[in-house]
Amino acid sequence: MVMDEDKLVSVFSAREISANAEAEVLKSLLESAGIRAIIKHTPPTFQRPGGVSLLVLSSEEADAVEIIHDAREGAAEAG
């Protein structure tokens, strides 16, 4: 039996330009936990705003989502 290769999945995305900094922080948190992450910037067009996405391998998605949830929840409580 051949296993499917991991695919990149989005674990965070936003349309605000200010979200670039948040994506960078979350990427650092994921990488410190041993999860490889990629930031993808989408430039704005006339039809839609730009944005930022944080991508991880599908095999690491559950762990990444949990780390991001905990980080964002902690930030909301602190703010």
C-alpha atoms as a PDB file:
ATOM      1  CA  MET A   1       0.000   0.000   0.000  1.00  0.00           C
ATOM      2  CA  VAL A   2       1.365   3.399  -0.998  1.00  0.00           C
ATOM      3  CA  MET A   3       0.765   6.311   1.355  1.00  0.00           C
ATOM      4  CA  ASP A   4      -0.292   9.638  -0.106  1.00  0.00           C
ATOM      5  CA  GLU A   5       2.386  12.272   0.101  1.00  0.00           C
ATOM      6  CA  ASP A   6       1.851  15.092   2.550  1.00  0.00           C
ATOM      7  CA  LYS A   7       0.201  18.122   1.043  1.00  0.00           C
ATOM      8  CA  LEU A   8       0.489  21.703   2.216  1.00  0.00           C
ATOM      9  CA  VAL A   9      -2.569  22.910   4.103  1.00  0.00           C
ATOM     10  CA  SER A  10      -3.431  26.328   5.486  1.00  0.00           C
ATOM     11  CA  VAL A  11      -3.615  26.582   9.281  1.00  0.00           C
ATOM     12  CA  PHE A  12      -3.915  30.392   9.424  1.00  0.00           C
ATOM     13  CA  SER A  13      -5.012  32.985   6.899  1.00  0.00           C
ATOM     14  CA  ALA A  14      -6.020  36.622   6.965  1.00  0.00           C
ATOM     15  CA  ARG A  15      -6.736  39.410   4.535  1.00  0.00           C
ATOM     16  CA  GLU A  16      -5.423  42.268   6.656  1.00  0.00           C
ATOM     17  CA  ILE A  17      -1.925  43.538   5.898  1.00  0.00           C
ATOM     18  CA  SER A  18      -1.289  43.744   9.649  1.00  0.00           C
ATOM     19  CA  ALA A  19      -1.654  39.947   9.830  1.00  0.00           C
ATOM     20  CA  ASN A  20       1.816  39.528   8.285  1.00  0.00           C
ATOM     21  CA  ALA A  21       3.401  40.109  11.697  1.00  0.00           C
ATOM     22  CA  GLU A  22       1.033  37.632  13.365  1.00  0.00           C
ATOM     23  CA  ALA A  23       1.837  35.030  10.708  1.00  0.00           C
ATOM     24  CA  GLU A  24       5.569  35.495  11.344  1.00  0.00           C
ATOM     25  CA  VAL A  25       5.098  35.009  15.105  1.00  0.00           C
ATOM     26  CA  LEU A  26       2.942  31.919  14.595  1.00  0.00           C
ATOM     27  CA  LYS A  27       5.507  30.499  12.143  1.00  0.00           C
ATOM     28  CA  SER A  28       8.208  30.926  14.780  1.00  0.00           C
ATOM     29  CA  LEU A  29       6.050  29.173  17.385  1.00  0.00           C
ATOM     30  CA  LEU A  30       5.409  26.252  15.037  1.00  0.00           C
ATOM     31  CA  GLU A  31       9.074  25.925  14.090  1.00  0.00           C
ATOM     32  CA  SER A  32      10.111  25.973  17.761  1.00  0.00           C
ATOM     33  CA  ALA A  33       7.767  22.993  18.204  1.00  0.00           C
ATOM     34  CA  GLY A  34       9.469  21.186  15.302  1.00  0.00           C
ATOM     35  CA  ILE A  35       6.743  21.891  12.724  1.00  0.00           C
ATOM     36  CA  ARG A  36       7.965  23.225   9.398  1.00  0.00           C
ATOM     37  CA  ALA A  37       5.864  26.136   8.160  1.00  0.00           C
ATOM     38  CA  ILE A  38       5.737  28.378   5.102  1.00  0.00           C
ATOM     39  CA  ILE A  39       4.236  31.853   4.825  1.00  0.00           C
ATOM     40  CA  LYS A  40       2.469  32.535   1.542  1.00  0.00           C
ATOM     41  CA  HIS A  41       1.683  36.119   0.596  1.00  0.00           C
ATOM     42  CA  THR A  42      -1.098  36.766  -1.901  1.00  0.00           C
ATOM     43  CA  PRO A  43      -0.838  40.167  -3.586  1.00  0.00           C
ATOM     44  CA  PRO A  44      -4.025  42.215  -3.948  1.00  0.00           C
ATOM     45  CA  THR A  45      -5.785  42.445  -7.294  1.00  0.00           C
ATOM     46  CA  PHE A  46      -8.698  44.505  -8.562  1.00  0.00           C
ATOM     47  CA  GLN A  47     -11.039  41.577  -7.873  1.00  0.00           C
ATOM     48  CA  ARG A  48      -9.899  40.711  -4.332  1.00  0.00           C
ATOM     49  CA  PRO A  49      -7.755  41.905  -1.459  1.00  0.00           C
ATOM     50  CA  GLY A  50      -4.403  40.341  -0.819  1.00  0.00           C
ATOM     51  CA  GLY A  51      -3.640  38.251   2.183  1.00  0.00           C
ATOM     52  CA  VAL A  52      -1.310  35.981   4.049  1.00  0.00           C
ATOM     53  CA  SER A  53      -1.504  32.252   4.766  1.00  0.00           C
ATOM     54  CA  LEU A  54       0.532  29.959   6.976  1.00  0.00           C
ATOM     55  CA  LEU A  55       1.026  26.504   5.465  1.00  0.00           C
ATOM     56  CA  VAL A  56       2.153  23.224   7.043  1.00  0.00           C
ATOM     57  CA  LEU A  57       2.270  19.608   5.944  1.00  0.00           C
ATOM     58  CA  SER A  58      -1.071  17.846   6.314  1.00  0.00           C
ATOM     59  CA  SER A  59       0.510  15.277   8.657  1.00  0.00           C
ATOM     60  CA  GLU A  60       1.353  18.119  11.071  1.00  0.00           C
ATOM     61  CA  GLU A  61      -1.909  20.028  10.679  1.00  0.00           C
ATOM     62  CA  ALA A  62      -3.590  18.912  13.932  1.00  0.00           C
ATOM     63  CA  ASP A  63      -0.567  19.817  16.066  1.00  0.00           C
ATOM     64  CA  ALA A  64      -0.156  23.152  14.270  1.00  0.00           C
ATOM     65  CA  VAL A  65      -3.827  24.066  14.715  1.00  0.00           C
ATOM     66  CA  GLU A  66      -3.618  23.292  18.424  1.00  0.00           C
ATOM     67  CA  ILE A  67      -0.482  25.426  18.887  1.00  0.00           C
ATOM     68  CA  ILE A  68      -2.015  28.332  16.959  1.00  0.00           C
ATOM     69  CA  HIS A  69      -5.292  28.075  18.890  1.00  0.00           C
ATOM     70  CA  ASP A  70      -3.464  28.111  22.222  1.00  0.00           C
ATOM     71  CA  ALA A  71      -1.288  31.050  21.168  1.00  0.00           C
ATOM     72  CA  ARG A  72      -4.193  33.139  19.905  1.00  0.00           C
ATOM     73  CA  GLU A  73      -6.322  32.312  22.953  1.00  0.00           C
ATOM     74  CA  GLY A  74      -3.476  33.363  25.246  1.00  0.00           C
ATOM     75  CA  ALA A  75      -3.005  36.590  23.325  1.00  0.00           C
ATOM     76  CA  ALA A  76      -6.722  37.387  23.579  1.00  0.00           C
ATOM     77  CA  GLU A  77      -6.678  36.831  27.344  1.00  0.00           C
ATOM     78  CA  ALA A  78      -3.569  39.018  27.728  1.00  0.00           C
ATOM     79  CA  GLY A  79      -4.975  41.786  25.541  1.00  0.00           C
END
